[in-house]
Structures are given as structure tokens and as C-alpha cells.
Amino acid sequence: MNIKNTLNELNKVQLQNYCSAKEFRNNPKLGKERGLYWIWTDLAFDRLKEIKNNHNSEVPIAKLIIEREMLKYICNIKNGDYRVVYNGIGGYSGKQVKTKCSYDLRGRINQEFFSNDPRTGSLNLMNRNQFNIDNWAISYFDFNENENILKQLSESNDHNSFYEKFAKILEMNWRIEFGHPILNRH
């Protein structure tokens, strides 16, 4: 197992899957399975400090920017004026997505933007002051479409276990390799 090679390949794919949040929202074919996702913004840290919380469960954007903006190992991956500020995992256990559940990759990304439910610890971007979807973008790595990359991690031929087996470790190790997104709490 060569985790560094896998992370570099995973990162290439997620950069290729970069799109505006508006494009993602309007194309239901994107991100339908399970994998990792990244949220990007072109907002400067000073603008992010102005974002107010609606409830205690959502990510405290302003607080995290104030505490972390000068730290050395904050992720600094950019695409033009956009930079990675958050990443996570989204998917379902087992062999198939369960109907009427929002736990696929697409559903989890949409929760970050549009869920004001105090039971979730989402970014809740749409419900924040001065939200403009044009300031946001996403990228993702779909486990089901990229089994060839994930096979480096295991001698197992059970493809359906790649997500369950490797999602959390790849999320954590990606942060160690490429920097911790400033808005991730953990």
C-alpha cells in the first residue's frame, strides 16, 4: 500500500471534478455515489469573518477563521481565486444507495449548502448572511468511479467495501498531506 501515491491520484481526480456550486446544484448527475468532497470559496478571510451563525450546531465560520487564519498548516490549494476551505465524506454503507435517503455524496454536499437543521453540523451556507452561490465551488472524488485508484490500498477484490474501509482514513490523510481546510472543526 502506498498511501502517498493514492492521495496524489485522489487529489488529481478531485481537481478534475471541480465545478461551481451553481453548476453542481443544477446538474443532478454529479456526485451521485459515495466519496470525498471539497468546498471552495473566492471570499477573502475578512469577508468570511463577517458570517454570522444561526444556531450552535452549524460550523462557526467566523470563529474558525479568526482562530486559524495565521496557522502554518491550513490548506492552501487554489483554483484561480477559489481556495479549499472545507472537506468531508459522503456516502452510504452497503452495496446500493437507499432510496429516499440523502446520504449519497450529492446529498451530503447539498446539506453543507442548504441544511439549516440544527441536528447537523453543516456549513449551512445558504442560510448565512450575504450568501451568494457564485462565491462557492465544489470538487469531489467518487469511490465507485475510481476503484482503480483505491485498489492500491488493498489486496481485497471486494469493491463494495472501499468506501466503508477507506473513506475516513483517506479524508484524514488527505488533510495531513495537503493541509487542513480552515473550516473543518476536526
N, C-alpha and C. Protein backbone atom coordinates (compact mmCIF):
# COMPACT_ATOMS: atom_id res chain seq x y z
N MET A 1 0.85 -1.19 0.00
CA MET A 1 0.00 0.00 0.00
C MET A 1 0.89 1.24 0.00
N ASN A 2 0.66 2.13 -0.95
CA ASN A 2 1.38 3.39 -0.99
C ASN A 2 0.37 4.52 -0.86
N ILE A 3 0.16 4.96 0.35
CA ILE A 3 -0.87 5.96 0.63
C ILE A 3 -0.57 7.29 -0.05
N LYS A 4 0.69 7.67 -0.14
CA LYS A 4 1.04 8.95 -0.76
C LYS A 4 0.65 8.96 -2.24
N ASN A 5 0.95 7.88 -2.97
CA ASN A 5 0.55 7.81 -4.38
C ASN A 5 -0.97 7.85 -4.52
N THR A 6 -1.66 7.12 -3.66
CA THR A 6 -3.12 7.12 -3.70
C THR A 6 -3.68 8.51 -3.45
N LEU A 7 -3.13 9.21 -2.47
CA LEU A 7 -3.59 10.56 -2.16
C LEU A 7 -3.34 11.52 -3.33
N ASN A 8 -2.19 11.39 -3.97
CA ASN A 8 -1.90 12.25 -5.12
C ASN A 8 -2.85 11.97 -6.27
N GLU A 9 -3.16 10.71 -6.53
CA GLU A 9 -4.11 10.37 -7.58
C GLU A 9 -5.52 10.86 -7.22
N LEU A 10 -5.92 10.64 -5.98
CA LEU A 10 -7.22 11.10 -5.49
C LEU A 10 -7.32 12.62 -5.66
N ASN A 11 -6.26 13.34 -5.32
CA ASN A 11 -6.27 14.80 -5.42
C ASN A 11 -6.39 15.24 -6.88
N LYS A 12 -5.72 14.56 -7.79
CA LYS A 12 -5.85 14.90 -9.22
C LYS A 12 -7.29 14.76 -9.68
N VAL A 13 -7.93 13.67 -9.28
CA VAL A 13 -9.32 13.44 -9.69
C VAL A 13 -10.24 14.51 -9.11
N GLN A 14 -10.07 14.82 -7.83
CA GLN A 14 -10.97 15.83 -7.25
C GLN A 14 -10.79 17.18 -7.93
N LEU A 15 -9.57 17.52 -8.34
CA LEU A 15 -9.35 18.78 -9.04
C LEU A 15 -10.00 18.76 -10.43
N GLN A 16 -10.02 17.60 -11.06
CA GLN A 16 -10.69 17.47 -12.36
C GLN A 16 -12.20 17.57 -12.23
N ASN A 17 -12.72 17.21 -11.05
CA ASN A 17 -14.17 17.27 -10.80
C ASN A 17 -14.60 18.58 -10.17
N TYR A 18 -13.82 19.61 -10.32
CA TYR A 18 -14.12 20.94 -9.79
C TYR A 18 -15.22 21.58 -10.63
N CYS A 19 -16.20 22.19 -9.97
CA CYS A 19 -17.23 22.96 -10.67
C CYS A 19 -17.82 23.99 -9.72
N SER A 20 -18.50 24.96 -10.28
CA SER A 20 -19.16 25.96 -9.43
C SER A 20 -20.28 25.28 -8.64
N ALA A 21 -20.60 25.85 -7.51
CA ALA A 21 -21.70 25.31 -6.71
C ALA A 21 -23.01 25.38 -7.49
N LYS A 22 -23.17 26.41 -8.27
CA LYS A 22 -24.38 26.56 -9.08
C LYS A 22 -24.46 25.44 -10.13
N GLU A 23 -23.35 25.14 -10.80
CA GLU A 23 -23.33 24.06 -11.78
C GLU A 23 -23.64 22.72 -11.11
N PHE A 24 -23.05 22.49 -9.95
CA PHE A 24 -23.31 21.25 -9.22
C PHE A 24 -24.79 21.15 -8.86
N ARG A 25 -25.33 22.22 -8.37
CA ARG A 25 -26.73 22.25 -7.94
C ARG A 25 -27.68 21.96 -9.11
N ASN A 26 -27.31 22.46 -10.29
CA ASN A 26 -28.19 22.34 -11.46
C ASN A 26 -27.96 21.07 -12.28
N ASN A 27 -26.97 20.26 -11.92
CA ASN A 27 -26.71 19.03 -12.67
C ASN A 27 -26.84 17.83 -11.74
N PRO A 28 -28.03 17.21 -11.69
CA PRO A 28 -28.26 16.11 -10.75
C PRO A 28 -27.45 14.85 -11.02
N LYS A 29 -26.72 14.81 -12.12
CA LYS A 29 -25.89 13.64 -12.42
C LYS A 29 -24.56 13.66 -11.68
N LEU A 30 -24.16 14.82 -11.16
CA LEU A 30 -22.87 14.94 -10.50
C LEU A 30 -22.94 14.42 -9.06
N GLY A 31 -21.94 13.62 -8.67
CA GLY A 31 -21.79 13.20 -7.27
C GLY A 31 -22.88 12.29 -6.74
N LYS A 32 -23.35 11.35 -7.53
CA LYS A 32 -24.48 10.52 -7.11
C LYS A 32 -24.11 9.32 -6.24
N GLU A 33 -22.86 9.02 -6.08
CA GLU A 33 -22.48 7.80 -5.37
C GLU A 33 -21.96 8.09 -3.97
N ARG A 34 -20.70 7.77 -3.72
CA ARG A 34 -20.11 7.98 -2.40
C ARG A 34 -18.64 8.31 -2.57
N GLY A 35 -18.14 9.13 -1.66
CA GLY A 35 -16.75 9.53 -1.77
C GLY A 35 -16.39 10.68 -0.86
N LEU A 36 -15.42 11.46 -1.33
CA LEU A 36 -14.93 12.62 -0.60
C LEU A 36 -15.32 13.88 -1.37
N TYR A 37 -15.50 14.99 -0.66
CA TYR A 37 -15.83 16.25 -1.33
C TYR A 37 -15.06 17.39 -0.69
N TRP A 38 -14.91 18.46 -1.49
CA TRP A 38 -14.22 19.67 -1.06
C TRP A 38 -15.11 20.86 -1.39
N ILE A 39 -15.12 21.83 -0.50
CA ILE A 39 -15.86 23.06 -0.74
C ILE A 39 -14.85 24.20 -0.83
N TRP A 40 -15.03 25.02 -1.84
CA TRP A 40 -14.12 26.10 -2.19
C TRP A 40 -14.87 27.43 -2.12
N THR A 41 -14.15 28.52 -1.89
CA THR A 41 -14.75 29.85 -1.96
C THR A 41 -13.73 30.85 -2.50
N ASP A 42 -14.27 31.91 -3.09
CA ASP A 42 -13.41 33.01 -3.51
C ASP A 42 -13.48 34.17 -2.51
N LEU A 43 -14.20 33.98 -1.41
CA LEU A 43 -14.30 35.01 -0.38
C LEU A 43 -13.01 35.09 0.42
N ALA A 44 -12.54 36.30 0.63
CA ALA A 44 -11.35 36.51 1.45
C ALA A 44 -11.69 36.20 2.91
N PHE A 45 -10.67 35.89 3.69
CA PHE A 45 -10.90 35.58 5.10
C PHE A 45 -11.61 36.73 5.81
N ASP A 46 -11.32 37.97 5.46
CA ASP A 46 -12.00 39.11 6.10
C ASP A 46 -13.51 39.06 5.86
N ARG A 47 -13.93 38.64 4.67
CA ARG A 47 -15.36 38.50 4.39
C ARG A 47 -15.96 37.32 5.15
N LEU A 48 -15.20 36.22 5.23
CA LEU A 48 -15.70 35.05 5.96
C LEU A 48 -15.87 35.35 7.46
N LYS A 49 -15.06 36.25 7.98
CA LYS A 49 -15.18 36.63 9.41
C LYS A 49 -16.50 37.34 9.69
N GLU A 50 -17.15 37.87 8.68
CA GLU A 50 -18.41 38.59 8.84
C GLU A 50 -19.63 37.66 8.87
N ILE A 51 -19.42 36.39 8.58
CA ILE A 51 -20.54 35.44 8.51
C ILE A 51 -21.02 35.10 9.92
N LYS A 52 -22.30 35.28 10.13
CA LYS A 52 -22.90 35.06 11.44
C LYS A 52 -23.53 33.67 11.52
N ASN A 53 -23.55 33.13 12.73
CA ASN A 53 -24.18 31.84 12.98
C ASN A 53 -25.68 32.00 13.16
N ASN A 54 -26.42 30.93 12.77
CA ASN A 54 -27.85 30.87 13.01
C ASN A 54 -28.17 30.03 14.24
N HIS A 55 -27.37 29.00 14.48
CA HIS A 55 -27.56 28.13 15.64
C HIS A 55 -26.22 27.49 16.00
N ASN A 56 -26.17 26.88 17.16
CA ASN A 56 -24.90 26.36 17.69
C ASN A 56 -24.38 25.11 16.99
N SER A 57 -25.22 24.43 16.23
CA SER A 57 -24.78 23.18 15.58
C SER A 57 -23.97 23.41 14.32
N GLU A 58 -24.24 24.50 13.61
CA GLU A 58 -23.54 24.71 12.35
C GLU A 58 -22.08 25.09 12.58
N VAL A 59 -21.28 24.94 11.55
CA VAL A 59 -19.85 25.26 11.63
C VAL A 59 -19.70 26.75 11.94
N PRO A 60 -18.96 27.10 12.99
CA PRO A 60 -18.76 28.51 13.35
C PRO A 60 -17.70 29.17 12.46
N ILE A 61 -18.11 29.57 11.28
CA ILE A 61 -17.18 30.03 10.24
C ILE A 61 -16.30 31.17 10.73
N ALA A 62 -16.88 32.25 11.22
CA ALA A 62 -16.09 33.41 11.64
C ALA A 62 -15.10 33.04 12.75
N LYS A 63 -15.56 32.29 13.72
CA LYS A 63 -14.70 31.89 14.83
C LYS A 63 -13.49 31.09 14.35
N LEU A 64 -13.72 30.14 13.44
CA LEU A 64 -12.62 29.31 12.95
C LEU A 64 -11.63 30.13 12.12
N ILE A 65 -12.12 31.06 11.32
CA ILE A 65 -11.21 31.91 10.53
C ILE A 65 -10.34 32.75 11.47
N ILE A 66 -10.96 33.37 12.46
CA ILE A 66 -10.21 34.20 13.41
C ILE A 66 -9.15 33.39 14.14
N GLU A 67 -9.51 32.19 14.59
CA GLU A 67 -8.56 31.35 15.33
C GLU A 67 -7.43 30.80 14.47
N ARG A 68 -7.70 30.53 13.18
CA ARG A 68 -6.76 29.73 12.38
C ARG A 68 -6.07 30.43 11.22
N GLU A 69 -6.50 31.60 10.83
CA GLU A 69 -6.00 32.16 9.57
C GLU A 69 -4.49 32.32 9.51
N MET A 70 -3.81 32.40 10.61
CA MET A 70 -2.36 32.58 10.61
C MET A 70 -1.60 31.26 10.83
N LEU A 71 -2.30 30.16 10.97
CA LEU A 71 -1.63 28.89 11.24
C LEU A 71 -0.93 28.36 9.99
N LYS A 72 0.12 27.63 10.21
CA LYS A 72 1.02 27.19 9.16
C LYS A 72 0.45 26.09 8.26
N TYR A 73 -0.30 25.16 8.78
CA TYR A 73 -0.71 24.00 8.01
C TYR A 73 -2.16 24.04 7.52
N ILE A 74 -2.70 25.24 7.33
CA ILE A 74 -4.03 25.39 6.74
C ILE A 74 -3.91 25.13 5.24
N CYS A 75 -4.85 24.40 4.69
CA CYS A 75 -4.84 24.06 3.27
C CYS A 75 -4.80 25.33 2.42
N ASN A 76 -3.94 25.31 1.43
CA ASN A 76 -3.79 26.47 0.55
C ASN A 76 -3.93 26.08 -0.92
N ILE A 77 -4.71 25.04 -1.19
CA ILE A 77 -4.94 24.63 -2.58
C ILE A 77 -5.90 25.64 -3.21
N LYS A 78 -5.51 26.14 -4.39
CA LYS A 78 -6.32 27.16 -5.07
C LYS A 78 -6.61 26.76 -6.51
N ASN A 79 -7.69 27.32 -7.01
CA ASN A 79 -8.07 27.22 -8.42
C ASN A 79 -8.52 28.62 -8.81
N GLY A 80 -7.64 29.38 -9.42
CA GLY A 80 -7.94 30.79 -9.69
C GLY A 80 -8.08 31.52 -8.37
N ASP A 81 -9.19 32.22 -8.18
CA ASP A 81 -9.44 32.96 -6.94
C ASP A 81 -10.06 32.11 -5.83
N TYR A 82 -10.39 30.86 -6.14
CA TYR A 82 -11.04 29.98 -5.17
C TYR A 82 -10.01 29.15 -4.42
N ARG A 83 -10.31 28.90 -3.14
CA ARG A 83 -9.43 28.05 -2.33
C ARG A 83 -10.28 27.06 -1.55
N VAL A 84 -9.67 25.90 -1.24
CA VAL A 84 -10.35 24.88 -0.44
C VAL A 84 -10.50 25.40 0.98
N VAL A 85 -11.73 25.35 1.51
CA VAL A 85 -11.97 25.76 2.90
C VAL A 85 -12.62 24.66 3.74
N TYR A 86 -13.06 23.58 3.10
CA TYR A 86 -13.77 22.52 3.83
C TYR A 86 -13.69 21.24 3.02
N ASN A 87 -13.64 20.10 3.71
CA ASN A 87 -13.80 18.83 3.01
C ASN A 87 -14.48 17.83 3.93
N GLY A 88 -15.02 16.79 3.31
CA GLY A 88 -15.73 15.79 4.09
C GLY A 88 -15.97 14.53 3.28
N ILE A 89 -16.71 13.62 3.89
CA ILE A 89 -17.06 12.37 3.22
C ILE A 89 -18.58 12.28 3.12
N GLY A 90 -19.04 11.60 2.11
CA GLY A 90 -20.46 11.41 1.93
C GLY A 90 -20.72 10.12 1.22
N GLY A 91 -21.63 9.34 1.73
CA GLY A 91 -21.92 8.08 1.08
C GLY A 91 -22.84 7.22 1.90
N TYR A 92 -22.95 6.01 1.49
CA TYR A 92 -23.86 5.06 2.10
C TYR A 92 -23.11 3.76 2.32
N SER A 93 -23.53 3.02 3.30
CA SER A 93 -22.95 1.71 3.56
C SER A 93 -23.66 0.67 2.71
N GLY A 94 -23.00 -0.42 2.48
CA GLY A 94 -23.62 -1.49 1.71
C GLY A 94 -23.38 -1.34 0.23
N LYS A 95 -24.13 -2.10 -0.53
CA LYS A 95 -23.89 -2.16 -1.97
C LYS A 95 -24.68 -1.15 -2.77
N GLN A 96 -25.79 -0.65 -2.24
CA GLN A 96 -26.62 0.27 -3.00
C GLN A 96 -27.08 1.42 -2.13
N VAL A 97 -27.32 2.56 -2.79
CA VAL A 97 -27.88 3.71 -2.10
C VAL A 97 -29.31 3.36 -1.70
N LYS A 98 -29.69 3.77 -0.52
CA LYS A 98 -31.05 3.52 -0.05
C LYS A 98 -31.96 4.62 -0.59
N THR A 99 -33.09 4.24 -1.12
CA THR A 99 -34.00 5.22 -1.68
C THR A 99 -34.52 6.13 -0.58
N LYS A 100 -34.81 7.36 -0.96
CA LYS A 100 -35.34 8.39 -0.08
C LYS A 100 -34.38 8.76 1.05
N CYS A 101 -33.10 8.54 0.86
CA CYS A 101 -32.09 8.95 1.83
C CYS A 101 -31.17 9.97 1.17
N SER A 102 -30.71 10.91 1.93
CA SER A 102 -29.82 11.92 1.37
C SER A 102 -28.38 11.65 1.73
N TYR A 103 -28.03 10.38 1.92
CA TYR A 103 -26.70 10.06 2.40
C TYR A 103 -25.72 9.71 1.29
N ASP A 104 -26.08 9.92 0.02
CA ASP A 104 -25.08 9.77 -1.02
C ASP A 104 -24.20 11.02 -1.02
N LEU A 105 -23.18 11.01 -1.83
CA LEU A 105 -22.23 12.12 -1.89
C LEU A 105 -22.93 13.43 -2.23
N ARG A 106 -23.79 13.40 -3.21
CA ARG A 106 -24.52 14.60 -3.63
C ARG A 106 -25.39 15.15 -2.49
N GLY A 107 -26.07 14.27 -1.80
CA GLY A 107 -26.91 14.70 -0.69
C GLY A 107 -26.10 15.36 0.41
N ARG A 108 -24.93 14.82 0.71
CA ARG A 108 -24.09 15.39 1.76
C ARG A 108 -23.56 16.76 1.36
N ILE A 109 -23.15 16.91 0.10
CA ILE A 109 -22.68 18.22 -0.37
C ILE A 109 -23.82 19.23 -0.28
N ASN A 110 -25.00 18.85 -0.73
CA ASN A 110 -26.15 19.76 -0.65
C ASN A 110 -26.49 20.13 0.79
N GLN A 111 -26.30 19.20 1.73
CA GLN A 111 -26.53 19.54 3.14
C GLN A 111 -25.62 20.67 3.59
N GLU A 112 -24.37 20.66 3.14
CA GLU A 112 -23.44 21.72 3.52
C GLU A 112 -23.93 23.09 3.07
N PHE A 113 -24.60 23.13 1.95
CA PHE A 113 -25.07 24.40 1.42
C PHE A 113 -26.47 24.78 1.91
N PHE A 114 -27.36 23.81 2.04
CA PHE A 114 -28.77 24.15 2.18
C PHE A 114 -29.47 23.62 3.42
N SER A 115 -28.77 22.96 4.34
CA SER A 115 -29.43 22.41 5.51
C SER A 115 -29.31 23.35 6.70
N ASN A 116 -30.45 23.77 7.20
CA ASN A 116 -30.49 24.61 8.40
C ASN A 116 -30.93 23.78 9.61
N ASP A 117 -30.89 22.47 9.47
CA ASP A 117 -31.31 21.56 10.53
C ASP A 117 -30.29 21.60 11.68
N PRO A 118 -30.71 21.99 12.87
CA PRO A 118 -29.77 22.09 13.99
C PRO A 118 -29.21 20.74 14.44
N ARG A 119 -29.73 19.63 13.90
CA ARG A 119 -29.18 18.32 14.24
C ARG A 119 -27.93 17.99 13.42
N THR A 120 -27.67 18.76 12.37
CA THR A 120 -26.48 18.50 11.55
C THR A 120 -25.45 19.59 11.79
N GLY A 121 -24.21 19.23 11.69
CA GLY A 121 -23.12 20.19 11.88
C GLY A 121 -22.63 20.72 10.56
N SER A 122 -23.54 21.13 9.71
CA SER A 122 -23.17 21.56 8.36
C SER A 122 -22.70 23.01 8.33
N LEU A 123 -22.17 23.40 7.17
CA LEU A 123 -21.79 24.79 6.95
C LEU A 123 -23.03 25.68 6.87
N ASN A 124 -24.15 25.13 6.38
CA ASN A 124 -25.41 25.86 6.30
C ASN A 124 -25.23 27.19 5.55
N LEU A 125 -24.56 27.15 4.42
CA LEU A 125 -24.15 28.37 3.73
C LEU A 125 -25.32 29.22 3.24
N MET A 126 -26.35 28.61 2.68
CA MET A 126 -27.45 29.39 2.11
C MET A 126 -28.16 30.23 3.17
N ASN A 127 -28.17 29.78 4.39
CA ASN A 127 -28.91 30.46 5.45
C ASN A 127 -28.05 31.45 6.23
N ARG A 128 -26.89 31.77 5.72
CA ARG A 128 -26.00 32.74 6.37
C ARG A 128 -26.20 34.11 5.72
N ASN A 129 -25.78 35.15 6.45
CA ASN A 129 -25.91 36.50 5.91
C ASN A 129 -25.08 36.65 4.63
N GLN A 130 -25.61 37.37 3.70
CA GLN A 130 -24.95 37.74 2.45
C GLN A 130 -24.49 36.53 1.62
N PHE A 131 -25.19 35.40 1.70
CA PHE A 131 -24.81 34.24 0.90
C PHE A 131 -25.06 34.52 -0.58
N ASN A 132 -24.07 34.19 -1.41
CA ASN A 132 -24.20 34.24 -2.86
C ASN A 132 -23.56 32.97 -3.39
N ILE A 133 -24.35 32.13 -4.03
CA ILE A 133 -23.85 30.84 -4.51
C ILE A 133 -22.67 30.99 -5.48
N ASP A 134 -22.57 32.15 -6.13
CA ASP A 134 -21.48 32.38 -7.07
C ASP A 134 -20.11 32.45 -6.39
N ASN A 135 -20.08 32.61 -5.08
CA ASN A 135 -18.82 32.65 -4.33
C ASN A 135 -18.33 31.27 -3.92
N TRP A 136 -19.02 30.23 -4.34
CA TRP A 136 -18.71 28.89 -3.85
C TRP A 136 -18.55 27.89 -5.00
N ALA A 137 -17.73 26.89 -4.76
CA ALA A 137 -17.50 25.83 -5.73
C ALA A 137 -17.29 24.53 -4.97
N ILE A 138 -17.34 23.43 -5.68
CA ILE A 138 -17.11 22.12 -5.07
C ILE A 138 -16.22 21.28 -5.97
N SER A 139 -15.65 20.27 -5.39
CA SER A 139 -14.98 19.22 -6.13
C SER A 139 -15.22 17.93 -5.36
N TYR A 140 -15.02 16.81 -6.03
CA TYR A 140 -15.29 15.55 -5.34
C TYR A 140 -14.50 14.41 -5.96
N PHE A 141 -14.38 13.34 -5.19
CA PHE A 141 -13.76 12.09 -5.62
C PHE A 141 -14.79 11.01 -5.39
N ASP A 142 -15.24 10.38 -6.46
CA ASP A 142 -16.26 9.34 -6.39
C ASP A 142 -15.57 7.98 -6.28
N PHE A 143 -15.79 7.28 -5.17
CA PHE A 143 -15.18 5.97 -4.96
C PHE A 143 -15.60 4.97 -6.02
N ASN A 144 -16.86 4.98 -6.41
CA ASN A 144 -17.36 4.00 -7.36
C ASN A 144 -16.74 4.18 -8.75
N GLU A 145 -16.46 5.41 -9.14
CA GLU A 145 -15.87 5.68 -10.45
C GLU A 145 -14.35 5.52 -10.46
N ASN A 146 -13.73 5.41 -9.32
CA ASN A 146 -12.27 5.42 -9.24
C ASN A 146 -11.70 4.23 -8.49
N GLU A 147 -12.32 3.07 -8.69
CA GLU A 147 -11.87 1.87 -7.99
C GLU A 147 -10.42 1.53 -8.33
N ASN A 148 -9.98 1.85 -9.55
CA ASN A 148 -8.60 1.54 -9.95
C ASN A 148 -7.59 2.24 -9.03
N ILE A 149 -7.89 3.43 -8.58
CA ILE A 149 -7.00 4.15 -7.66
C ILE A 149 -7.05 3.52 -6.27
N LEU A 150 -8.23 3.14 -5.84
CA LEU A 150 -8.41 2.60 -4.50
C LEU A 150 -7.86 1.18 -4.35
N LYS A 151 -7.75 0.47 -5.44
CA LYS A 151 -7.23 -0.90 -5.40
C LYS A 151 -5.79 -0.93 -4.90
N GLN A 152 -5.07 0.19 -5.01
CA GLN A 152 -3.70 0.26 -4.49
C GLN A 152 -3.65 0.07 -2.99
N LEU A 153 -4.77 0.33 -2.32
CA LEU A 153 -4.81 0.32 -0.86
C LEU A 153 -5.08 -1.06 -0.27
N SER A 154 -5.55 -1.99 -1.09
CA SER A 154 -5.98 -3.26 -0.53
C SER A 154 -5.81 -4.37 -1.54
N GLU A 155 -5.55 -5.53 -1.03
CA GLU A 155 -5.50 -6.71 -1.89
C GLU A 155 -6.89 -7.31 -2.04
N SER A 156 -7.85 -6.77 -1.34
CA SER A 156 -9.22 -7.27 -1.40
C SER A 156 -9.85 -6.94 -2.75
N ASN A 157 -10.63 -7.84 -3.29
CA ASN A 157 -11.36 -7.59 -4.52
C ASN A 157 -12.80 -7.17 -4.24
N ASP A 158 -13.12 -6.94 -2.99
CA ASP A 158 -14.48 -6.55 -2.61
C ASP A 158 -14.63 -5.05 -2.79
N HIS A 159 -14.98 -4.60 -4.01
CA HIS A 159 -15.06 -3.17 -4.33
C HIS A 159 -16.08 -2.46 -3.45
N ASN A 160 -17.11 -3.15 -3.03
CA ASN A 160 -18.15 -2.50 -2.26
C ASN A 160 -17.67 -2.09 -0.87
N SER A 161 -16.51 -2.57 -0.47
CA SER A 161 -16.01 -2.19 0.84
C SER A 161 -15.04 -1.02 0.80
N PHE A 162 -14.64 -0.56 -0.40
CA PHE A 162 -13.66 0.53 -0.49
C PHE A 162 -14.12 1.76 0.30
N TYR A 163 -15.37 2.16 0.11
CA TYR A 163 -15.86 3.34 0.82
C TYR A 163 -15.84 3.12 2.33
N GLU A 164 -16.46 2.02 2.78
CA GLU A 164 -16.51 1.76 4.21
C GLU A 164 -15.12 1.61 4.80
N LYS A 165 -14.23 1.01 4.04
CA LYS A 165 -12.89 0.69 4.54
C LYS A 165 -11.95 1.89 4.55
N PHE A 166 -12.07 2.78 3.54
CA PHE A 166 -11.02 3.78 3.36
C PHE A 166 -11.47 5.25 3.42
N ALA A 167 -12.76 5.56 3.43
CA ALA A 167 -13.19 6.96 3.36
C ALA A 167 -12.61 7.80 4.49
N LYS A 168 -12.75 7.37 5.72
CA LYS A 168 -12.28 8.19 6.85
C LYS A 168 -10.76 8.33 6.86
N ILE A 169 -10.06 7.25 6.56
CA ILE A 169 -8.60 7.32 6.59
C ILE A 169 -8.08 8.19 5.45
N LEU A 170 -8.72 8.13 4.28
CA LEU A 170 -8.29 8.98 3.17
C LEU A 170 -8.60 10.44 3.45
N GLU A 171 -9.75 10.71 4.06
CA GLU A 171 -10.09 12.10 4.42
C GLU A 171 -9.03 12.66 5.37
N MET A 172 -8.70 11.91 6.40
CA MET A 172 -7.72 12.36 7.38
C MET A 172 -6.33 12.51 6.75
N ASN A 173 -5.91 11.50 6.00
CA ASN A 173 -4.57 11.55 5.41
C ASN A 173 -4.46 12.60 4.32
N TRP A 174 -5.54 12.90 3.61
CA TRP A 174 -5.51 13.99 2.64
C TRP A 174 -5.19 15.30 3.36
N ARG A 175 -5.81 15.51 4.51
CA ARG A 175 -5.57 16.73 5.28
C ARG A 175 -4.12 16.80 5.77
N ILE A 176 -3.57 15.67 6.17
CA ILE A 176 -2.17 15.64 6.61
C ILE A 176 -1.25 15.99 5.45
N GLU A 177 -1.54 15.48 4.26
CA GLU A 177 -0.69 15.69 3.09
C GLU A 177 -0.86 17.08 2.48
N PHE A 178 -2.09 17.59 2.38
CA PHE A 178 -2.36 18.82 1.64
C PHE A 178 -2.76 20.01 2.51
N GLY A 179 -2.85 19.82 3.80
CA GLY A 179 -3.24 20.90 4.70
C GLY A 179 -4.67 20.74 5.18
N HIS A 180 -4.92 21.24 6.35
CA HIS A 180 -6.25 21.13 6.96
C HIS A 180 -7.12 22.28 6.47
N PRO A 181 -8.27 21.98 5.83
CA PRO A 181 -9.17 23.08 5.42
C PRO A 181 -9.59 23.88 6.64
N ILE A 182 -9.56 25.17 6.50
CA ILE A 182 -9.72 26.09 7.64
C ILE A 182 -11.08 25.94 8.34
N LEU A 183 -12.11 25.51 7.64
CA LEU A 183 -13.44 25.43 8.25
C LEU A 183 -13.80 24.05 8.80
N ASN A 184 -12.91 23.08 8.68
CA ASN A 184 -13.18 21.78 9.29
C ASN A 184 -12.94 21.86 10.79
N ARG A 185 -13.92 21.44 11.55
CA ARG A 185 -13.78 21.50 13.01
C ARG A 185 -12.84 20.45 13.54
N HIS A 186 -12.80 19.28 12.94
CA HIS A 186 -12.00 18.17 13.46
C HIS A 186 -10.97 17.75 12.44
